[in-house]
Amino acid sequence: VHSHVDIYNFSDDTWGGRFDAPKEMAHSHLGVASDGRYIYIVSGQYGPQCRGPTSKCFVMDTETKSWGELPPLPVP
């Protein structure tokens, strides 16, 4: 369980930098997708013991290094 997102650069095979994650974001079992600029985080579960799901969704703008909240899923 982490409170941040680590950054991996596929071009040069290195890890570098990190972004703090929103407090309300799930800790595990997240759905993740990217279009190159934005990283989308969908649902997931809180805590280290596979607790209940959340319907919260987030988007990170990798250019501005800022998080935004998306509309929640209708059902987690």
Foldseek 3Di string as FASTA:
>chain_A
DDQKAWDADPVVGDTDDIAGHDPPAADDPWDWDDPVFKIKTAKYHHDDPRDDIFQWIKMAGNVVRDIDTDDGDPHD
